[in-house]
């Protein structure tokens, strides 16, 4: 039986599978919207559930952790599914605790099979091999050191192939309205 609840940032998830929000990590849960709004990070008089936690560049600047790109499963058990990439490091593995969870592929390591990062300072994406036993490939070449990702690159791990689709970069950057207009 699923028990859907909402974290303080408004994400819904199954509390029987997760002890904290799998999207943002918030552990102080409350389904009462009035209490939730009062506890939102940045609201007056609130320490917020993330007080003392390390906060990413965009999350600090925008108050959210926006999508910067996607991985789309083009082969394997998760065929057709898309996975959001957010700023900084995105850990890939089979576990639901991973930022990008390829749960249907038993050949993907449970944790840290690979890492995709987005550097907000230079608007670049990189693929890192993980610290697991499994190998990761980029366009059929084994990844042994960090490599730069380009639009439509194919990442392979286990029985899964993922196509990389950037959102941020040359044509779009998250920021305030003034920065955005200058980048258009």
N, C-alpha and C. Protein backbone atom coordinates (compact mmCIF):
# COMPACT_ATOMS: atom_id res chain seq x y z
N UNK A 1 0.83 -1.18 0.00
CA UNK A 1 0.00 0.00 0.00
C UNK A 1 0.87 1.24 0.00
N UNK A 2 0.62 2.13 -0.96
CA UNK A 2 1.39 3.37 -1.03
C UNK A 2 0.86 4.39 -0.05
N UNK A 3 1.77 5.12 0.54
CA UNK A 3 1.42 6.20 1.44
C UNK A 3 2.07 7.46 0.91
N UNK A 4 1.36 8.17 0.04
CA UNK A 4 1.91 9.36 -0.59
C UNK A 4 1.86 10.53 0.39
N UNK A 5 3.01 11.19 0.55
CA UNK A 5 3.08 12.38 1.38
C UNK A 5 3.83 13.45 0.63
N UNK A 6 3.80 14.67 1.15
CA UNK A 6 4.45 15.80 0.51
C UNK A 6 5.52 16.35 1.42
N UNK A 7 6.70 16.63 0.86
CA UNK A 7 7.77 17.25 1.65
C UNK A 7 7.51 18.75 1.75
N UNK A 8 8.32 19.44 2.51
CA UNK A 8 8.15 20.88 2.70
C UNK A 8 8.37 21.68 1.43
N UNK A 9 8.97 21.08 0.41
CA UNK A 9 9.16 21.78 -0.86
C UNK A 9 8.07 21.45 -1.87
N UNK A 10 7.08 20.64 -1.45
CA UNK A 10 5.93 20.37 -2.31
C UNK A 10 6.03 19.12 -3.16
N UNK A 11 7.10 18.34 -3.02
CA UNK A 11 7.22 17.10 -3.79
C UNK A 11 6.41 15.98 -3.13
N UNK A 12 5.72 15.18 -3.93
CA UNK A 12 4.99 14.03 -3.42
C UNK A 12 5.82 12.78 -3.62
N UNK A 13 5.82 11.88 -2.66
CA UNK A 13 6.53 10.62 -2.78
C UNK A 13 5.96 9.60 -1.81
N UNK A 14 6.34 8.34 -2.02
CA UNK A 14 5.84 7.21 -1.24
C UNK A 14 6.67 7.06 0.04
N UNK A 15 6.07 7.32 1.19
CA UNK A 15 6.79 7.27 2.47
C UNK A 15 7.12 5.85 2.91
N UNK A 16 6.50 4.85 2.26
CA UNK A 16 6.86 3.48 2.60
C UNK A 16 8.17 3.07 1.93
N UNK A 17 8.59 3.81 0.92
CA UNK A 17 9.84 3.52 0.22
C UNK A 17 10.96 4.48 0.61
N UNK A 18 10.63 5.67 1.08
CA UNK A 18 11.64 6.69 1.36
C UNK A 18 11.43 7.27 2.75
N UNK A 19 12.55 7.53 3.45
CA UNK A 19 12.46 8.18 4.76
C UNK A 19 12.59 9.68 4.64
N UNK A 20 13.04 10.16 3.47
CA UNK A 20 13.09 11.59 3.18
C UNK A 20 12.76 11.76 1.71
N UNK A 21 12.51 12.97 1.30
CA UNK A 21 12.13 13.25 -0.08
C UNK A 21 13.26 12.84 -1.03
N UNK A 22 12.98 11.97 -2.02
CA UNK A 22 14.03 11.54 -2.94
C UNK A 22 14.44 12.63 -3.93
N UNK A 23 13.66 13.71 -4.00
CA UNK A 23 13.96 14.78 -4.93
C UNK A 23 14.84 15.87 -4.32
N UNK A 24 14.59 16.19 -3.06
CA UNK A 24 15.34 17.29 -2.44
C UNK A 24 15.97 16.93 -1.10
N UNK A 25 15.67 15.75 -0.55
CA UNK A 25 16.29 15.31 0.69
C UNK A 25 15.67 15.85 1.96
N UNK A 26 14.60 16.62 1.84
CA UNK A 26 13.96 17.19 3.03
C UNK A 26 13.41 16.07 3.89
N UNK A 27 13.74 16.09 5.18
CA UNK A 27 13.28 15.04 6.08
C UNK A 27 12.14 15.50 6.97
N UNK A 28 11.99 16.78 7.21
CA UNK A 28 10.94 17.30 8.07
C UNK A 28 9.65 17.33 7.26
N UNK A 29 8.82 16.30 7.40
CA UNK A 29 7.65 16.14 6.56
C UNK A 29 6.38 16.63 7.24
N UNK A 30 5.52 17.23 6.44
CA UNK A 30 4.27 17.72 6.96
C UNK A 30 3.31 17.91 5.80
N UNK A 31 2.18 17.23 5.84
CA UNK A 31 1.24 17.33 4.73
C UNK A 31 0.29 18.53 4.88
N UNK A 32 0.25 19.16 6.04
CA UNK A 32 -0.58 20.33 6.26
C UNK A 32 0.00 21.51 5.50
N UNK A 33 -0.69 21.98 4.46
CA UNK A 33 -0.17 23.03 3.59
C UNK A 33 0.16 24.31 4.35
N UNK A 34 -0.62 24.66 5.36
CA UNK A 34 -0.33 25.88 6.11
C UNK A 34 0.98 25.77 6.87
N UNK A 35 1.21 24.61 7.49
CA UNK A 35 2.48 24.41 8.19
C UNK A 35 3.62 24.31 7.19
N UNK A 36 3.36 23.66 6.06
CA UNK A 36 4.40 23.50 5.05
C UNK A 36 4.87 24.85 4.53
N UNK A 37 3.94 25.73 4.22
CA UNK A 37 4.31 27.04 3.71
C UNK A 37 5.07 27.84 4.75
N UNK A 38 4.71 27.71 6.01
CA UNK A 38 5.39 28.46 7.07
C UNK A 38 6.82 27.98 7.26
N UNK A 39 7.09 26.71 6.91
CA UNK A 39 8.42 26.15 7.11
C UNK A 39 9.28 26.20 5.86
N UNK A 40 8.76 26.71 4.75
CA UNK A 40 9.53 26.72 3.51
C UNK A 40 10.85 27.45 3.70
N UNK A 41 11.93 26.96 3.08
CA UNK A 41 13.20 27.65 3.18
C UNK A 41 13.07 29.08 2.70
N UNK A 42 13.62 29.99 3.45
CA UNK A 42 13.57 31.39 3.10
C UNK A 42 12.37 32.13 3.66
N UNK A 43 11.40 31.42 4.25
CA UNK A 43 10.25 32.12 4.81
C UNK A 43 10.66 32.75 6.14
N UNK A 44 10.02 33.86 6.48
CA UNK A 44 10.39 34.59 7.69
C UNK A 44 10.16 33.78 8.94
N UNK A 45 11.10 33.88 9.87
CA UNK A 45 10.96 33.22 11.16
C UNK A 45 11.18 31.72 11.13
N UNK A 46 11.72 31.21 10.01
CA UNK A 46 11.90 29.76 9.92
C UNK A 46 13.36 29.42 9.69
N UNK A 47 13.84 28.47 10.42
CA UNK A 47 15.17 27.94 10.15
C UNK A 47 15.10 27.07 8.91
N UNK A 48 13.95 26.50 8.64
CA UNK A 48 13.76 25.63 7.48
C UNK A 48 14.39 24.27 7.71
N UNK A 49 13.88 23.28 7.00
CA UNK A 49 14.38 21.93 7.17
C UNK A 49 15.79 21.75 6.64
N UNK A 50 16.27 22.70 5.84
CA UNK A 50 17.59 22.56 5.25
C UNK A 50 18.64 23.41 5.96
N UNK A 51 18.32 23.96 7.12
CA UNK A 51 19.29 24.76 7.85
C UNK A 51 20.52 23.92 8.15
N UNK A 52 21.67 24.45 7.83
CA UNK A 52 22.92 23.75 8.09
C UNK A 52 23.34 22.80 6.98
N UNK A 53 22.49 22.57 5.96
CA UNK A 53 22.83 21.69 4.85
C UNK A 53 23.57 22.47 3.77
N UNK A 54 24.44 21.78 3.06
CA UNK A 54 25.10 22.38 1.91
C UNK A 54 24.05 22.58 0.83
N UNK A 55 24.04 23.77 0.22
CA UNK A 55 23.05 24.11 -0.79
C UNK A 55 23.76 24.40 -2.10
N UNK A 56 23.26 23.84 -3.20
CA UNK A 56 23.84 24.06 -4.52
C UNK A 56 23.69 25.50 -4.97
N UNK A 57 24.48 25.88 -5.95
CA UNK A 57 24.50 27.25 -6.47
C UNK A 57 23.13 27.72 -6.90
N UNK A 58 22.47 26.94 -7.78
CA UNK A 58 21.16 27.35 -8.27
C UNK A 58 20.10 27.32 -7.18
N UNK A 59 20.16 26.29 -6.33
CA UNK A 59 19.16 26.19 -5.26
C UNK A 59 19.26 27.41 -4.36
N UNK A 60 20.47 27.85 -4.06
CA UNK A 60 20.67 29.03 -3.21
C UNK A 60 20.16 30.28 -3.92
N UNK A 61 20.46 30.41 -5.21
CA UNK A 61 20.12 31.60 -5.99
C UNK A 61 18.62 31.66 -6.34
N UNK A 62 18.05 30.52 -6.76
CA UNK A 62 16.68 30.50 -7.25
C UNK A 62 15.66 29.96 -6.26
N UNK A 63 16.14 29.26 -5.22
CA UNK A 63 15.24 28.66 -4.24
C UNK A 63 14.74 27.28 -4.67
N UNK A 64 15.16 26.83 -5.84
CA UNK A 64 14.82 25.50 -6.35
C UNK A 64 16.08 24.90 -6.95
N UNK A 65 16.04 23.62 -7.26
CA UNK A 65 17.14 22.94 -7.94
C UNK A 65 16.64 22.59 -9.33
N UNK A 66 16.73 23.53 -10.28
CA UNK A 66 16.09 23.33 -11.58
C UNK A 66 16.82 22.34 -12.47
N UNK A 67 16.10 21.81 -13.43
CA UNK A 67 16.67 20.89 -14.41
C UNK A 67 17.68 21.66 -15.27
N UNK A 68 18.81 21.01 -15.57
CA UNK A 68 19.81 21.59 -16.46
C UNK A 68 20.01 20.71 -17.70
N UNK A 69 19.43 19.51 -17.68
CA UNK A 69 19.52 18.59 -18.80
C UNK A 69 18.81 17.28 -18.46
N UNK A 70 18.87 16.35 -19.40
CA UNK A 70 18.21 15.06 -19.21
C UNK A 70 19.07 13.93 -19.74
N UNK A 71 18.84 12.77 -19.20
CA UNK A 71 19.30 11.53 -19.79
C UNK A 71 18.03 10.79 -20.19
N UNK A 72 17.99 10.26 -21.40
CA UNK A 72 16.81 9.54 -21.88
C UNK A 72 17.24 8.12 -22.23
N UNK A 73 16.55 7.15 -21.64
CA UNK A 73 16.86 5.73 -21.91
C UNK A 73 16.44 5.37 -23.32
N UNK A 74 17.43 5.03 -24.15
CA UNK A 74 17.15 4.65 -25.54
C UNK A 74 17.29 3.15 -25.76
N UNK A 75 17.82 2.44 -24.75
CA UNK A 75 17.87 0.97 -24.75
C UNK A 75 17.86 0.50 -23.32
N UNK A 76 17.31 -0.69 -23.10
CA UNK A 76 17.33 -1.29 -21.78
C UNK A 76 15.97 -1.32 -21.11
N UNK A 77 15.93 -1.78 -19.86
CA UNK A 77 14.67 -1.96 -19.14
C UNK A 77 13.89 -0.67 -18.89
N UNK A 78 14.57 0.46 -18.90
CA UNK A 78 13.90 1.75 -18.64
C UNK A 78 13.61 2.49 -19.94
N UNK A 79 13.60 1.79 -21.07
CA UNK A 79 13.41 2.37 -22.40
C UNK A 79 12.32 3.44 -22.41
N UNK A 80 12.67 4.62 -22.92
CA UNK A 80 11.71 5.71 -23.04
C UNK A 80 11.61 6.62 -21.83
N UNK A 81 12.18 6.22 -20.72
CA UNK A 81 12.11 7.02 -19.50
C UNK A 81 13.17 8.13 -19.55
N UNK A 82 12.83 9.28 -19.00
CA UNK A 82 13.79 10.38 -18.91
C UNK A 82 14.20 10.60 -17.46
N UNK A 83 15.41 11.06 -17.27
CA UNK A 83 15.98 11.30 -15.95
C UNK A 83 16.50 12.73 -15.93
N UNK A 84 16.05 13.49 -14.93
CA UNK A 84 16.47 14.89 -14.80
C UNK A 84 17.91 14.99 -14.30
N UNK A 85 18.65 15.92 -14.87
CA UNK A 85 19.98 16.27 -14.39
C UNK A 85 19.84 17.65 -13.76
N UNK A 86 20.36 17.80 -12.53
CA UNK A 86 20.36 19.10 -11.87
C UNK A 86 21.81 19.57 -11.75
N UNK A 87 22.01 20.79 -11.29
CA UNK A 87 23.34 21.37 -11.19
C UNK A 87 24.22 20.57 -10.25
N UNK A 88 25.50 20.63 -10.51
CA UNK A 88 26.55 19.98 -9.75
C UNK A 88 26.52 18.48 -9.98
N UNK A 89 26.74 17.65 -8.97
CA UNK A 89 26.89 16.21 -9.19
C UNK A 89 25.57 15.45 -9.11
N UNK A 90 25.39 14.51 -10.05
CA UNK A 90 24.22 13.63 -10.10
C UNK A 90 24.73 12.20 -10.11
N UNK A 91 24.51 11.48 -9.00
CA UNK A 91 25.01 10.12 -8.86
C UNK A 91 24.02 9.15 -9.50
N UNK A 92 24.56 8.22 -10.29
CA UNK A 92 23.74 7.26 -11.03
C UNK A 92 23.96 5.86 -10.47
N UNK A 93 22.85 5.17 -10.23
CA UNK A 93 22.90 3.79 -9.75
C UNK A 93 21.51 3.19 -9.76
N UNK A 94 21.40 1.98 -9.29
CA UNK A 94 20.12 1.26 -9.27
C UNK A 94 19.28 1.62 -8.05
N UNK A 95 19.92 2.04 -6.97
CA UNK A 95 19.21 2.37 -5.72
C UNK A 95 18.31 3.58 -5.88
N UNK A 96 17.20 3.56 -5.17
CA UNK A 96 16.28 4.70 -5.17
C UNK A 96 16.91 5.93 -4.52
N UNK A 97 17.99 5.74 -3.77
CA UNK A 97 18.67 6.85 -3.11
C UNK A 97 19.57 7.63 -4.07
N UNK A 98 19.79 7.11 -5.26
CA UNK A 98 20.64 7.80 -6.24
C UNK A 98 19.86 8.96 -6.85
N UNK A 99 20.58 10.00 -7.30
CA UNK A 99 19.94 11.13 -7.98
C UNK A 99 19.26 10.65 -9.25
N UNK A 100 19.93 9.75 -9.96
CA UNK A 100 19.37 9.14 -11.16
C UNK A 100 19.33 7.64 -10.90
N UNK A 101 18.12 7.12 -10.72
CA UNK A 101 17.94 5.72 -10.34
C UNK A 101 17.49 4.88 -11.53
N UNK A 102 18.36 3.99 -11.98
CA UNK A 102 18.06 3.07 -13.07
C UNK A 102 17.64 1.76 -12.41
N UNK A 103 16.49 1.77 -11.78
CA UNK A 103 16.05 0.66 -10.92
C UNK A 103 15.82 -0.64 -11.66
N UNK A 104 15.47 -0.59 -12.93
CA UNK A 104 15.11 -1.81 -13.65
C UNK A 104 16.26 -2.60 -14.22
N UNK A 105 17.49 -2.10 -14.09
CA UNK A 105 18.64 -2.77 -14.71
C UNK A 105 19.54 -3.38 -13.64
N UNK A 106 19.46 -4.70 -13.47
CA UNK A 106 20.25 -5.40 -12.46
C UNK A 106 21.75 -5.35 -12.76
N UNK A 107 22.14 -4.98 -13.95
CA UNK A 107 23.55 -4.89 -14.33
C UNK A 107 24.17 -3.55 -13.91
N UNK A 108 23.33 -2.59 -13.55
CA UNK A 108 23.80 -1.29 -13.06
C UNK A 108 24.06 -1.44 -11.56
N UNK A 109 25.21 -0.96 -11.12
CA UNK A 109 25.55 -1.04 -9.70
C UNK A 109 24.52 -0.31 -8.86
N UNK A 110 24.31 -0.79 -7.66
CA UNK A 110 23.32 -0.19 -6.76
C UNK A 110 23.64 1.29 -6.51
N UNK A 111 24.90 1.59 -6.25
CA UNK A 111 25.28 2.98 -5.94
C UNK A 111 26.50 3.39 -6.73
N UNK A 112 26.48 4.63 -7.19
CA UNK A 112 27.63 5.30 -7.81
C UNK A 112 28.26 4.53 -8.97
N UNK A 113 27.43 4.08 -9.88
CA UNK A 113 27.95 3.44 -11.09
C UNK A 113 28.67 4.49 -11.95
N UNK A 114 28.10 5.70 -11.96
CA UNK A 114 28.68 6.81 -12.70
C UNK A 114 28.16 8.12 -12.09
N UNK A 115 28.75 9.22 -12.53
CA UNK A 115 28.32 10.56 -12.08
C UNK A 115 28.26 11.47 -13.29
N UNK A 116 27.17 12.22 -13.41
CA UNK A 116 27.07 13.28 -14.41
C UNK A 116 27.06 14.58 -13.63
N UNK A 117 27.93 15.51 -14.03
CA UNK A 117 27.97 16.79 -13.33
C UNK A 117 27.68 17.93 -14.29
N UNK A 118 27.14 19.00 -13.73
CA UNK A 118 26.94 20.24 -14.47
C UNK A 118 27.62 21.34 -13.67
N UNK A 119 28.57 22.02 -14.29
CA UNK A 119 29.30 23.11 -13.65
C UNK A 119 28.61 24.42 -14.00
N UNK A 120 27.93 25.07 -13.04
CA UNK A 120 27.21 26.30 -13.35
C UNK A 120 28.13 27.48 -13.69
N UNK A 121 29.39 27.42 -13.29
CA UNK A 121 30.31 28.53 -13.59
C UNK A 121 30.68 28.58 -15.06
N UNK A 122 30.91 27.41 -15.66
CA UNK A 122 31.27 27.43 -17.08
C UNK A 122 30.24 26.74 -17.96
N UNK A 123 29.09 26.40 -17.38
CA UNK A 123 27.96 25.82 -18.13
C UNK A 123 28.37 24.57 -18.89
N UNK A 124 29.13 23.67 -18.24
CA UNK A 124 29.59 22.46 -18.91
C UNK A 124 29.14 21.21 -18.17
N UNK A 125 28.98 20.13 -18.93
CA UNK A 125 28.59 18.82 -18.40
C UNK A 125 29.77 17.87 -18.53
N UNK A 126 29.92 17.00 -17.52
CA UNK A 126 30.98 15.99 -17.55
C UNK A 126 30.43 14.66 -17.06
N UNK A 127 31.02 13.58 -17.55
CA UNK A 127 30.69 12.23 -17.11
C UNK A 127 31.91 11.66 -16.40
N UNK A 128 31.70 11.12 -15.21
CA UNK A 128 32.76 10.53 -14.40
C UNK A 128 32.45 9.04 -14.21
N UNK A 129 33.49 8.20 -14.22
CA UNK A 129 33.24 6.81 -13.83
C UNK A 129 32.92 6.78 -12.34
N UNK A 130 32.11 5.84 -11.93
CA UNK A 130 31.76 5.74 -10.51
C UNK A 130 32.82 4.96 -9.75
N UNK A 131 32.52 4.72 -8.48
CA UNK A 131 33.45 3.96 -7.64
C UNK A 131 32.95 2.53 -7.44
N UNK A 132 32.13 2.05 -8.37
CA UNK A 132 31.62 0.69 -8.29
C UNK A 132 32.42 -0.21 -9.22
N UNK A 133 32.08 -1.48 -9.22
CA UNK A 133 32.76 -2.47 -10.07
C UNK A 133 32.40 -2.29 -11.55
N UNK A 134 31.18 -1.86 -11.82
CA UNK A 134 30.69 -1.76 -13.19
C UNK A 134 31.37 -0.68 -14.01
N UNK A 135 31.51 -0.95 -15.30
CA UNK A 135 32.10 0.01 -16.22
C UNK A 135 31.03 0.93 -16.80
N UNK A 136 31.48 2.08 -17.28
CA UNK A 136 30.59 3.02 -17.96
C UNK A 136 31.28 3.40 -19.27
N UNK A 137 30.46 3.54 -20.32
CA UNK A 137 30.98 3.86 -21.65
C UNK A 137 30.33 5.14 -22.15
N UNK A 138 31.09 5.90 -22.91
CA UNK A 138 30.56 7.08 -23.60
C UNK A 138 30.82 6.88 -25.09
N UNK A 139 29.77 6.79 -25.86
CA UNK A 139 29.88 6.56 -27.31
C UNK A 139 30.78 5.35 -27.61
N UNK A 140 30.54 4.27 -26.88
CA UNK A 140 31.23 2.98 -27.03
C UNK A 140 32.68 2.98 -26.56
N UNK A 141 33.14 4.06 -25.92
CA UNK A 141 34.50 4.11 -25.37
C UNK A 141 34.41 4.07 -23.85
N UNK A 142 35.23 3.22 -23.21
CA UNK A 142 35.24 3.13 -21.76
C UNK A 142 35.64 4.47 -21.13
N UNK A 143 34.94 4.86 -20.10
CA UNK A 143 35.25 6.10 -19.38
C UNK A 143 36.11 5.73 -18.18
N UNK A 144 37.37 6.20 -18.20
CA UNK A 144 38.28 5.91 -17.09
C UNK A 144 38.66 7.19 -16.34
N UNK A 145 38.46 8.34 -16.99
CA UNK A 145 38.67 9.65 -16.38
C UNK A 145 37.49 10.52 -16.80
N UNK A 146 37.27 11.65 -16.11
CA UNK A 146 36.15 12.51 -16.49
C UNK A 146 36.24 12.97 -17.95
N UNK A 147 35.07 12.97 -18.62
CA UNK A 147 35.01 13.41 -20.02
C UNK A 147 33.86 14.39 -20.17
N UNK A 148 34.02 15.32 -21.11
CA UNK A 148 33.00 16.31 -21.39
C UNK A 148 31.86 15.67 -22.19
N UNK A 149 30.63 16.00 -21.79
CA UNK A 149 29.45 15.50 -22.50
C UNK A 149 28.99 16.52 -23.53
N UNK A 150 28.56 16.02 -24.70
CA UNK A 150 28.02 16.86 -25.75
C UNK A 150 26.61 16.35 -26.11
N UNK A 151 25.82 17.23 -26.68
CA UNK A 151 24.45 16.92 -27.08
C UNK A 151 24.40 15.62 -27.85
N UNK A 152 23.50 14.73 -27.48
CA UNK A 152 23.22 13.41 -28.06
C UNK A 152 24.31 12.37 -27.82
N UNK A 153 25.28 12.63 -26.95
CA UNK A 153 26.22 11.58 -26.56
C UNK A 153 25.44 10.43 -25.95
N UNK A 154 25.95 9.21 -26.08
CA UNK A 154 25.28 8.03 -25.54
C UNK A 154 26.14 7.43 -24.43
N UNK A 155 25.54 7.33 -23.25
CA UNK A 155 26.18 6.74 -22.08
C UNK A 155 25.63 5.33 -21.93
N UNK A 156 26.53 4.37 -21.72
CA UNK A 156 26.10 2.98 -21.58
C UNK A 156 26.62 2.42 -20.26
N UNK A 157 25.74 1.78 -19.52
CA UNK A 157 26.11 1.06 -18.30
C UNK A 157 25.14 -0.10 -18.15
N UNK A 158 25.66 -1.25 -17.78
CA UNK A 158 24.80 -2.42 -17.68
C UNK A 158 24.13 -2.68 -19.02
N UNK A 159 22.82 -2.92 -19.00
CA UNK A 159 22.03 -3.12 -20.21
C UNK A 159 21.35 -1.85 -20.68
N UNK A 160 21.75 -0.72 -20.13
CA UNK A 160 21.06 0.54 -20.38
C UNK A 160 21.92 1.48 -21.22
N UNK A 161 21.28 2.12 -22.20
CA UNK A 161 21.92 3.20 -22.96
C UNK A 161 21.08 4.46 -22.74
N UNK A 162 21.77 5.53 -22.41
CA UNK A 162 21.12 6.81 -22.12
C UNK A 162 21.65 7.88 -23.07
N UNK A 163 20.74 8.62 -23.71
CA UNK A 163 21.16 9.73 -24.55
C UNK A 163 21.15 11.00 -23.71
N UNK A 164 22.21 11.80 -23.85
CA UNK A 164 22.35 13.04 -23.10
C UNK A 164 21.73 14.20 -23.89
N UNK A 165 20.86 14.95 -23.23
CA UNK A 165 20.22 16.12 -23.82
C UNK A 165 20.39 17.30 -22.86
N UNK A 166 21.27 18.26 -23.20
CA UNK A 166 21.47 19.41 -22.31
C UNK A 166 20.34 20.42 -22.43
N UNK A 167 20.06 21.11 -21.37
CA UNK A 167 19.11 22.23 -21.39
C UNK A 167 19.87 23.54 -21.21
N UNK A 168 20.77 23.57 -20.23
CA UNK A 168 21.57 24.76 -19.98
C UNK A 168 22.86 24.69 -20.79
N UNK A 169 23.38 25.85 -21.11
CA UNK A 169 24.62 25.92 -21.86
C UNK A 169 24.66 27.18 -22.69
N UNK A 170 25.02 27.03 -23.94
CA UNK A 170 25.22 28.17 -24.84
C UNK A 170 23.96 29.02 -25.02
N UNK A 171 22.78 28.38 -25.10
CA UNK A 171 21.57 29.10 -25.44
C UNK A 171 20.68 29.45 -24.25
N UNK A 172 20.90 28.82 -23.12
CA UNK A 172 20.06 29.10 -21.94
C UNK A 172 20.87 28.88 -20.68
N UNK A 173 20.70 29.82 -19.72
CA UNK A 173 21.31 29.69 -18.41
C UNK A 173 20.31 30.15 -17.37
N UNK A 174 20.25 29.43 -16.25
CA UNK A 174 19.39 29.86 -15.15
C UNK A 174 20.03 31.08 -14.50
N UNK A 175 19.20 32.00 -14.08
CA UNK A 175 19.71 33.19 -13.41
C UNK A 175 18.58 34.18 -13.27
N UNK A 176 18.93 35.39 -12.91
CA UNK A 176 17.87 36.40 -12.78
C UNK A 176 17.46 36.88 -14.17
N UNK A 177 16.39 37.63 -14.23
CA UNK A 177 15.83 38.09 -15.50
C UNK A 177 16.82 38.85 -16.35
N UNK A 178 17.65 39.69 -15.72
CA UNK A 178 18.62 40.48 -16.45
C UNK A 178 19.65 39.57 -17.13
N UNK A 179 20.19 38.61 -16.36
CA UNK A 179 21.15 37.66 -16.92
C UNK A 179 20.52 36.88 -18.07
N UNK A 180 19.26 36.46 -17.87
CA UNK A 180 18.59 35.66 -18.88
C UNK A 180 18.44 36.42 -20.18
N UNK A 181 18.04 37.70 -20.11
CA UNK A 181 17.85 38.51 -21.30
C UNK A 181 19.17 38.67 -22.04
N UNK A 182 20.28 38.83 -21.32
CA UNK A 182 21.59 39.00 -21.94
C UNK A 182 22.04 37.72 -22.63
N UNK A 183 21.58 36.57 -22.14
CA UNK A 183 22.01 35.30 -22.70
C UNK A 183 21.13 34.84 -23.86
N UNK A 184 20.05 35.54 -24.15
CA UNK A 184 19.15 35.11 -25.22
C UNK A 184 19.69 35.50 -26.58
